[in-house]
């Protein structure tokens, strides 16, 4: 039996994604109730423009289905090839922490320098994670 420790950071990413989704939904409902946007806009995303705060959350939600897909794939590859250990688990948790930091910045004040730093750092960790998985599989 192999170590399933990678399931926890994967689940944490799912929780992050779900949290952003709930925040996005609540924000959109609030904007519709306040009359800042017509609910019909969300049928085809045409006939108006989404308020900036909602669009920012929407973009971040979409972003959570881009690079993190490679994170899930790396974790699954490690599980399938029966790899585990503190280095692999540590890289996975570091990736999650950086994505949480990126979410905090991107859905908050959206300071570009901080956002870029968190985003690029997460990519570097993702590359290290993949290298660890590939080297461990050989």
N, C-alpha and C. Protein backbone atom coordinates (compact mmCIF):
# COMPACT_ATOMS: atom_id res chain seq x y z
N UNK A 1 0.84 -1.19 0.00
CA UNK A 1 0.00 0.00 0.00
C UNK A 1 0.88 1.25 0.00
N UNK A 2 0.51 2.23 -0.80
CA UNK A 2 1.33 3.44 -0.87
C UNK A 2 0.70 4.58 -0.07
N UNK A 3 1.48 5.59 0.15
CA UNK A 3 1.08 6.75 0.92
C UNK A 3 0.10 7.61 0.11
N UNK A 4 -1.00 7.98 0.71
CA UNK A 4 -2.01 8.82 0.05
C UNK A 4 -1.95 10.27 0.50
N UNK A 5 -0.82 10.71 1.01
CA UNK A 5 -0.69 12.06 1.55
C UNK A 5 -1.00 13.14 0.50
N UNK A 6 -0.82 12.84 -0.77
CA UNK A 6 -1.08 13.83 -1.82
C UNK A 6 -2.56 14.11 -2.00
N UNK A 7 -3.40 13.24 -1.48
CA UNK A 7 -4.84 13.50 -1.57
C UNK A 7 -5.23 14.77 -0.81
N UNK A 8 -4.55 15.06 0.27
CA UNK A 8 -4.90 16.21 1.10
C UNK A 8 -4.64 17.56 0.41
N UNK A 9 -3.46 17.77 -0.19
CA UNK A 9 -3.30 19.03 -0.92
C UNK A 9 -4.21 19.10 -2.15
N UNK A 10 -4.49 17.96 -2.77
CA UNK A 10 -5.44 17.97 -3.89
C UNK A 10 -6.82 18.40 -3.40
N UNK A 11 -7.24 17.88 -2.27
CA UNK A 11 -8.53 18.26 -1.70
C UNK A 11 -8.54 19.73 -1.30
N UNK A 12 -7.42 20.22 -0.80
CA UNK A 12 -7.32 21.64 -0.44
C UNK A 12 -7.53 22.52 -1.68
N UNK A 13 -6.99 22.10 -2.82
CA UNK A 13 -7.20 22.85 -4.06
C UNK A 13 -8.68 22.83 -4.46
N UNK A 14 -9.34 21.70 -4.26
CA UNK A 14 -10.77 21.60 -4.55
C UNK A 14 -11.54 22.57 -3.64
N UNK A 15 -11.18 22.62 -2.37
CA UNK A 15 -11.84 23.54 -1.44
C UNK A 15 -11.59 24.99 -1.85
N UNK A 16 -10.38 25.31 -2.26
CA UNK A 16 -10.09 26.66 -2.74
C UNK A 16 -10.98 27.00 -3.94
N UNK A 17 -11.07 26.08 -4.89
CA UNK A 17 -11.89 26.30 -6.08
C UNK A 17 -13.35 26.49 -5.70
N UNK A 18 -13.84 25.65 -4.81
CA UNK A 18 -15.23 25.75 -4.35
C UNK A 18 -15.48 27.08 -3.63
N UNK A 19 -14.52 27.51 -2.83
CA UNK A 19 -14.65 28.78 -2.10
C UNK A 19 -14.75 29.95 -3.07
N UNK A 20 -13.92 29.95 -4.09
CA UNK A 20 -13.97 31.02 -5.10
C UNK A 20 -15.32 30.97 -5.84
N UNK A 21 -15.79 29.77 -6.15
CA UNK A 21 -17.09 29.63 -6.82
C UNK A 21 -18.22 30.20 -5.97
N UNK A 22 -18.26 29.86 -4.70
CA UNK A 22 -19.31 30.36 -3.81
C UNK A 22 -19.22 31.88 -3.70
N UNK A 23 -18.02 32.40 -3.57
CA UNK A 23 -17.83 33.85 -3.50
C UNK A 23 -18.30 34.52 -4.78
N UNK A 24 -17.97 33.94 -5.91
CA UNK A 24 -18.42 34.47 -7.22
C UNK A 24 -19.93 34.47 -7.30
N UNK A 25 -20.57 33.38 -6.94
CA UNK A 25 -22.02 33.28 -7.00
C UNK A 25 -22.68 34.32 -6.10
N UNK A 26 -22.20 34.43 -4.87
CA UNK A 26 -22.77 35.40 -3.93
C UNK A 26 -22.58 36.83 -4.44
N UNK A 27 -21.43 37.11 -5.02
CA UNK A 27 -21.17 38.45 -5.56
C UNK A 27 -22.11 38.76 -6.71
N UNK A 28 -22.29 37.82 -7.62
CA UNK A 28 -23.20 38.03 -8.75
C UNK A 28 -24.63 38.23 -8.27
N UNK A 29 -25.07 37.44 -7.31
CA UNK A 29 -26.43 37.59 -6.77
C UNK A 29 -26.59 38.97 -6.15
N UNK A 30 -25.59 39.41 -5.41
CA UNK A 30 -25.65 40.74 -4.79
C UNK A 30 -25.75 41.84 -5.84
N UNK A 31 -24.95 41.73 -6.92
CA UNK A 31 -24.99 42.74 -7.97
C UNK A 31 -26.34 42.75 -8.69
N UNK A 32 -26.94 41.60 -8.87
CA UNK A 32 -28.27 41.54 -9.50
C UNK A 32 -29.28 42.18 -8.56
N UNK A 33 -29.25 41.85 -7.29
CA UNK A 33 -30.18 42.43 -6.31
C UNK A 33 -30.03 43.94 -6.21
N UNK A 34 -28.80 44.42 -6.30
CA UNK A 34 -28.53 45.86 -6.22
C UNK A 34 -28.84 46.58 -7.52
N UNK A 35 -29.16 45.83 -8.58
CA UNK A 35 -29.48 46.44 -9.86
C UNK A 35 -28.26 46.86 -10.67
N UNK A 36 -27.09 46.38 -10.28
CA UNK A 36 -25.87 46.75 -11.02
C UNK A 36 -25.74 45.97 -12.32
N UNK A 37 -26.50 44.87 -12.42
CA UNK A 37 -26.49 44.06 -13.65
C UNK A 37 -27.80 43.29 -13.72
N UNK A 38 -28.28 43.10 -14.92
CA UNK A 38 -29.50 42.33 -15.13
C UNK A 38 -29.16 40.84 -15.11
N UNK A 39 -30.00 40.06 -14.44
CA UNK A 39 -29.76 38.61 -14.35
C UNK A 39 -29.67 37.97 -15.73
N UNK A 40 -30.38 38.51 -16.71
CA UNK A 40 -30.35 37.96 -18.06
C UNK A 40 -28.98 38.00 -18.71
N UNK A 41 -28.13 38.87 -18.23
CA UNK A 41 -26.77 38.95 -18.77
C UNK A 41 -26.08 37.59 -18.67
N UNK A 42 -26.34 36.86 -17.60
CA UNK A 42 -25.62 35.61 -17.35
C UNK A 42 -26.11 34.44 -18.20
N UNK A 43 -27.16 34.65 -18.99
CA UNK A 43 -27.61 33.59 -19.90
C UNK A 43 -26.58 33.38 -21.01
N UNK A 44 -26.10 34.47 -21.60
CA UNK A 44 -25.15 34.36 -22.72
C UNK A 44 -23.90 35.23 -22.51
N UNK A 45 -23.85 35.94 -21.40
CA UNK A 45 -22.76 36.86 -21.11
C UNK A 45 -22.64 37.92 -22.20
N UNK A 46 -23.78 38.37 -22.66
CA UNK A 46 -23.86 39.44 -23.65
C UNK A 46 -24.96 40.41 -23.23
N UNK A 47 -24.95 41.57 -23.84
CA UNK A 47 -25.99 42.55 -23.56
C UNK A 47 -25.70 43.37 -22.32
N UNK A 48 -24.48 43.63 -22.07
CA UNK A 48 -24.09 44.42 -20.90
C UNK A 48 -22.66 44.09 -20.54
N UNK A 49 -22.28 44.52 -19.39
CA UNK A 49 -20.94 44.17 -18.91
C UNK A 49 -21.03 43.83 -17.43
N UNK A 50 -20.26 42.86 -17.07
CA UNK A 50 -20.23 42.40 -15.69
C UNK A 50 -19.44 43.41 -14.86
N UNK A 51 -19.91 43.73 -13.64
CA UNK A 51 -19.14 44.63 -12.77
C UNK A 51 -17.73 44.08 -12.54
N UNK A 52 -16.80 44.97 -12.38
CA UNK A 52 -15.39 44.60 -12.28
C UNK A 52 -15.12 43.56 -11.18
N UNK A 53 -15.72 43.72 -10.02
CA UNK A 53 -15.47 42.79 -8.92
C UNK A 53 -15.93 41.38 -9.27
N UNK A 54 -17.06 41.28 -9.94
CA UNK A 54 -17.58 39.98 -10.36
C UNK A 54 -16.72 39.40 -11.48
N UNK A 55 -16.33 40.22 -12.43
CA UNK A 55 -15.48 39.77 -13.53
C UNK A 55 -14.13 39.28 -13.01
N UNK A 56 -13.60 39.95 -12.01
CA UNK A 56 -12.32 39.56 -11.42
C UNK A 56 -12.43 38.18 -10.78
N UNK A 57 -13.51 37.95 -10.03
CA UNK A 57 -13.73 36.63 -9.43
C UNK A 57 -13.95 35.57 -10.50
N UNK A 58 -14.68 35.93 -11.55
CA UNK A 58 -14.94 35.00 -12.64
C UNK A 58 -13.63 34.58 -13.32
N UNK A 59 -12.78 35.55 -13.55
CA UNK A 59 -11.49 35.26 -14.18
C UNK A 59 -10.65 34.35 -13.29
N UNK A 60 -10.69 34.62 -11.98
CA UNK A 60 -9.89 33.79 -11.08
C UNK A 60 -10.45 32.36 -11.02
N UNK A 61 -11.76 32.24 -11.02
CA UNK A 61 -12.37 30.91 -11.03
C UNK A 61 -11.92 30.13 -12.27
N UNK A 62 -11.95 30.79 -13.42
CA UNK A 62 -11.48 30.14 -14.66
C UNK A 62 -10.01 29.76 -14.54
N UNK A 63 -9.23 30.63 -13.93
CA UNK A 63 -7.80 30.37 -13.76
C UNK A 63 -7.54 29.11 -12.94
N UNK A 64 -8.45 28.77 -12.05
CA UNK A 64 -8.29 27.57 -11.22
C UNK A 64 -8.49 26.28 -12.01
N UNK A 65 -8.85 26.42 -13.29
CA UNK A 65 -8.97 25.26 -14.17
C UNK A 65 -7.91 25.27 -15.26
N UNK A 66 -6.89 26.07 -15.06
CA UNK A 66 -5.78 26.15 -16.01
C UNK A 66 -4.57 25.45 -15.40
N UNK A 67 -3.64 26.17 -14.83
CA UNK A 67 -2.42 25.56 -14.27
C UNK A 67 -2.70 24.50 -13.20
N UNK A 68 -3.69 24.67 -12.33
CA UNK A 68 -3.93 23.62 -11.33
C UNK A 68 -4.26 22.25 -11.92
N UNK A 69 -4.73 22.20 -13.14
CA UNK A 69 -4.98 20.90 -13.78
C UNK A 69 -3.66 20.12 -13.86
N UNK A 70 -2.57 20.81 -14.13
CA UNK A 70 -1.26 20.16 -14.18
C UNK A 70 -0.82 19.71 -12.78
N UNK A 71 -1.25 20.44 -11.76
CA UNK A 71 -0.98 20.03 -10.38
C UNK A 71 -1.70 18.72 -10.07
N UNK A 72 -2.99 18.67 -10.40
CA UNK A 72 -3.75 17.44 -10.17
C UNK A 72 -3.12 16.27 -10.93
N UNK A 73 -2.72 16.52 -12.16
CA UNK A 73 -2.11 15.47 -12.98
C UNK A 73 -0.81 14.98 -12.35
N UNK A 74 0.00 15.88 -11.84
CA UNK A 74 1.27 15.49 -11.21
C UNK A 74 1.00 14.65 -9.96
N UNK A 75 0.04 15.07 -9.16
CA UNK A 75 -0.28 14.32 -7.95
C UNK A 75 -0.82 12.94 -8.29
N UNK A 76 -1.70 12.88 -9.29
CA UNK A 76 -2.24 11.58 -9.71
C UNK A 76 -1.15 10.68 -10.29
N UNK A 77 -0.24 11.28 -11.06
CA UNK A 77 0.89 10.50 -11.60
C UNK A 77 1.73 9.94 -10.47
N UNK A 78 1.96 10.73 -9.44
CA UNK A 78 2.73 10.25 -8.30
C UNK A 78 2.00 9.12 -7.58
N UNK A 79 0.70 9.27 -7.42
CA UNK A 79 -0.07 8.22 -6.75
C UNK A 79 -0.08 6.92 -7.57
N UNK A 80 -0.26 7.06 -8.87
CA UNK A 80 -0.32 5.88 -9.74
C UNK A 80 1.02 5.15 -9.78
N UNK A 81 2.11 5.89 -9.70
CA UNK A 81 3.43 5.28 -9.73
C UNK A 81 3.96 4.98 -8.32
N UNK A 82 3.07 5.08 -7.33
CA UNK A 82 3.37 4.73 -5.94
C UNK A 82 4.51 5.55 -5.35
N UNK A 83 4.51 6.83 -5.67
CA UNK A 83 5.52 7.73 -5.11
C UNK A 83 4.94 8.50 -3.94
N UNK A 84 5.78 8.72 -2.96
CA UNK A 84 5.38 9.50 -1.79
C UNK A 84 6.64 10.04 -1.13
N UNK A 85 6.46 10.67 -0.03
CA UNK A 85 7.60 11.18 0.73
C UNK A 85 7.45 12.64 1.04
N UNK A 86 8.26 13.10 1.97
CA UNK A 86 8.14 14.49 2.43
C UNK A 86 8.43 15.52 1.34
N UNK A 87 9.36 15.24 0.44
CA UNK A 87 9.69 16.23 -0.60
C UNK A 87 8.49 16.43 -1.53
N UNK A 88 7.91 15.35 -1.95
CA UNK A 88 6.76 15.41 -2.86
C UNK A 88 5.57 16.07 -2.18
N UNK A 89 5.28 15.64 -0.98
CA UNK A 89 4.16 16.20 -0.23
C UNK A 89 4.41 17.68 0.09
N UNK A 90 5.63 18.01 0.44
CA UNK A 90 5.97 19.40 0.73
C UNK A 90 5.79 20.30 -0.48
N UNK A 91 6.22 19.83 -1.64
CA UNK A 91 6.03 20.61 -2.87
C UNK A 91 4.55 20.78 -3.18
N UNK A 92 3.77 19.73 -2.97
CA UNK A 92 2.33 19.83 -3.22
C UNK A 92 1.68 20.86 -2.30
N UNK A 93 2.01 20.81 -1.03
CA UNK A 93 1.44 21.79 -0.10
C UNK A 93 1.94 23.21 -0.39
N UNK A 94 3.19 23.33 -0.79
CA UNK A 94 3.72 24.65 -1.15
C UNK A 94 2.97 25.21 -2.35
N UNK A 95 2.68 24.37 -3.32
CA UNK A 95 1.89 24.80 -4.48
C UNK A 95 0.53 25.31 -4.03
N UNK A 96 -0.13 24.55 -3.17
CA UNK A 96 -1.45 24.95 -2.68
C UNK A 96 -1.34 26.29 -1.94
N UNK A 97 -0.34 26.44 -1.10
CA UNK A 97 -0.17 27.70 -0.35
C UNK A 97 0.02 28.88 -1.29
N UNK A 98 0.80 28.68 -2.34
CA UNK A 98 1.02 29.77 -3.30
C UNK A 98 -0.26 30.07 -4.08
N UNK A 99 -1.05 29.06 -4.38
CA UNK A 99 -2.32 29.30 -5.09
C UNK A 99 -3.32 30.00 -4.17
N UNK A 100 -3.28 29.69 -2.89
CA UNK A 100 -4.13 30.41 -1.93
C UNK A 100 -3.69 31.87 -1.87
N UNK A 101 -2.38 32.10 -1.82
CA UNK A 101 -1.86 33.47 -1.82
C UNK A 101 -2.27 34.19 -3.09
N UNK A 102 -2.16 33.51 -4.22
CA UNK A 102 -2.56 34.10 -5.50
C UNK A 102 -4.05 34.44 -5.48
N UNK A 103 -4.88 33.56 -4.97
CA UNK A 103 -6.32 33.80 -4.88
C UNK A 103 -6.61 35.00 -3.98
N UNK A 104 -5.91 35.07 -2.86
CA UNK A 104 -6.11 36.17 -1.91
C UNK A 104 -5.79 37.51 -2.58
N UNK A 105 -4.69 37.55 -3.30
CA UNK A 105 -4.30 38.80 -3.97
C UNK A 105 -5.23 39.09 -5.15
N UNK A 106 -5.47 38.10 -6.00
CA UNK A 106 -6.24 38.31 -7.22
C UNK A 106 -7.69 38.68 -6.94
N UNK A 107 -8.28 38.08 -5.91
CA UNK A 107 -9.68 38.37 -5.61
C UNK A 107 -9.83 39.49 -4.59
N UNK A 108 -8.72 40.01 -4.14
CA UNK A 108 -8.74 41.12 -3.18
C UNK A 108 -8.29 42.42 -3.82
N UNK A 109 -7.23 42.96 -3.31
CA UNK A 109 -6.72 44.24 -3.83
C UNK A 109 -6.16 44.14 -5.24
N UNK A 110 -5.78 42.93 -5.63
CA UNK A 110 -5.29 42.66 -6.98
C UNK A 110 -4.04 43.48 -7.32
N UNK A 111 -3.14 43.59 -6.35
CA UNK A 111 -1.87 44.26 -6.57
C UNK A 111 -1.06 43.43 -7.55
N UNK A 112 -0.78 43.99 -8.71
CA UNK A 112 -0.18 43.23 -9.80
C UNK A 112 1.15 42.59 -9.43
N UNK A 113 2.03 43.33 -8.78
CA UNK A 113 3.35 42.77 -8.42
C UNK A 113 3.23 41.56 -7.50
N UNK A 114 2.34 41.67 -6.51
CA UNK A 114 2.15 40.54 -5.58
C UNK A 114 1.50 39.36 -6.30
N UNK A 115 0.56 39.67 -7.17
CA UNK A 115 -0.12 38.61 -7.91
C UNK A 115 0.85 37.86 -8.82
N UNK A 116 1.69 38.61 -9.53
CA UNK A 116 2.68 38.00 -10.42
C UNK A 116 3.66 37.15 -9.63
N UNK A 117 4.10 37.65 -8.48
CA UNK A 117 5.05 36.89 -7.65
C UNK A 117 4.45 35.56 -7.20
N UNK A 118 3.22 35.60 -6.73
CA UNK A 118 2.57 34.36 -6.28
C UNK A 118 2.35 33.41 -7.45
N UNK A 119 1.92 33.95 -8.58
CA UNK A 119 1.62 33.13 -9.75
C UNK A 119 2.88 32.47 -10.30
N UNK A 120 3.94 33.26 -10.50
CA UNK A 120 5.19 32.69 -11.02
C UNK A 120 5.81 31.70 -10.04
N UNK A 121 5.74 32.01 -8.76
CA UNK A 121 6.28 31.08 -7.75
C UNK A 121 5.53 29.76 -7.80
N UNK A 122 4.21 29.82 -7.97
CA UNK A 122 3.44 28.58 -8.05
C UNK A 122 3.85 27.76 -9.27
N UNK A 123 4.15 28.43 -10.38
CA UNK A 123 4.61 27.72 -11.58
C UNK A 123 5.96 27.06 -11.35
N UNK A 124 6.86 27.75 -10.67
CA UNK A 124 8.17 27.16 -10.37
C UNK A 124 8.02 25.92 -9.50
N UNK A 125 7.16 26.00 -8.50
CA UNK A 125 6.93 24.85 -7.63
C UNK A 125 6.28 23.72 -8.43
N UNK A 126 5.36 24.07 -9.32
CA UNK A 126 4.71 23.05 -10.15
C UNK A 126 5.73 22.32 -11.03
N UNK A 127 6.66 23.07 -11.59
CA UNK A 127 7.71 22.45 -12.41
C UNK A 127 8.58 21.54 -11.55
N UNK A 128 8.93 21.99 -10.34
CA UNK A 128 9.72 21.15 -9.43
C UNK A 128 8.95 19.89 -9.03
N UNK A 129 7.67 20.05 -8.82
CA UNK A 129 6.83 18.90 -8.48
C UNK A 129 6.84 17.87 -9.61
N UNK A 130 6.67 18.35 -10.82
CA UNK A 130 6.70 17.45 -11.97
C UNK A 130 8.06 16.79 -12.15
N UNK A 131 9.13 17.55 -11.96
CA UNK A 131 10.48 16.96 -12.05
C UNK A 131 10.66 15.87 -11.01
N UNK A 132 10.17 16.13 -9.82
CA UNK A 132 10.27 15.14 -8.73
C UNK A 132 9.50 13.87 -9.11
N UNK A 133 8.32 14.04 -9.70
CA UNK A 133 7.51 12.89 -10.09
C UNK A 133 8.20 12.11 -11.22
N UNK A 134 8.72 12.82 -12.21
CA UNK A 134 9.37 12.16 -13.35
C UNK A 134 10.63 11.43 -12.89
N UNK A 135 11.45 12.09 -12.08
CA UNK A 135 12.68 11.46 -11.59
C UNK A 135 12.34 10.26 -10.71
N UNK A 136 11.31 10.39 -9.90
CA UNK A 136 10.91 9.29 -9.02
C UNK A 136 10.35 8.10 -9.76
N UNK A 137 9.86 8.33 -10.97
CA UNK A 137 9.27 7.24 -11.75
C UNK A 137 10.31 6.45 -12.51
N UNK A 138 11.53 6.99 -12.58
CA UNK A 138 12.57 6.30 -13.36
C UNK A 138 13.40 5.36 -12.52
